[in-house]
Amino acid sequence: MTEPPKEPVKYVDANVYLPYHYVAGDFRAIYLNGLREGKILGSKDSKTGKIFVPPILNSPESFAPCEEIVQLDDRGTVTTFCVVNIPVIGRDLEIPYVAASVALDGAAISIFALIQKCKADEVRMGMRVEAVWKPAAERTGDHTDIQYFRPTGEPDAPRESYINRL
């Protein structure tokens, strides 16, 4: 048997390969299949009527079932954002870029999105944006089917319309 090292190990420099298989579950599969078809799907809280995206089984607020699947518009409002100035391994994005929370029209909560086709310093809370999809033949049923969101040119949404959908 090998004795433990006398000095504590402070770091290990090695490549780690972690193959895994993800099983989406029924609601997540519905959502991912919707993305493949160019649709953003959510589920409706049977008690409050709030729509959650991606779809969930039960509301975290009312605990009521959210069994009704609804299609959302692929437009929304930037609720929060950050300007990223650090390159990300595996992403070919020009620095700086903007990562934002976007409250889709009709949704109770925001989704995480990349904002493109404008300068980073032009992005603001309340900015109206729309999804830019991959061509239908290239979609695979994952989040990259939406390439990014871009400004619509519409007037900014009033703060009251998105402040509770962060």
Foldseek 3Di string as FASTA:
>chain_A
DDDPDPDDDDDDDDDDDDDDDDDQDDLLQVQLVQLLVVWGKWFAFPPPRATAPSYDQADPVPRGGRPHIDTFAQKFWFADKDWDQDDDPPDDDDPTWMWTWTQTVRHQATDIFTEDPDDPVVDDGQFMWGFDADPSVPRDRDPCRGVGIYGPPDDGDDCVVCVRHD
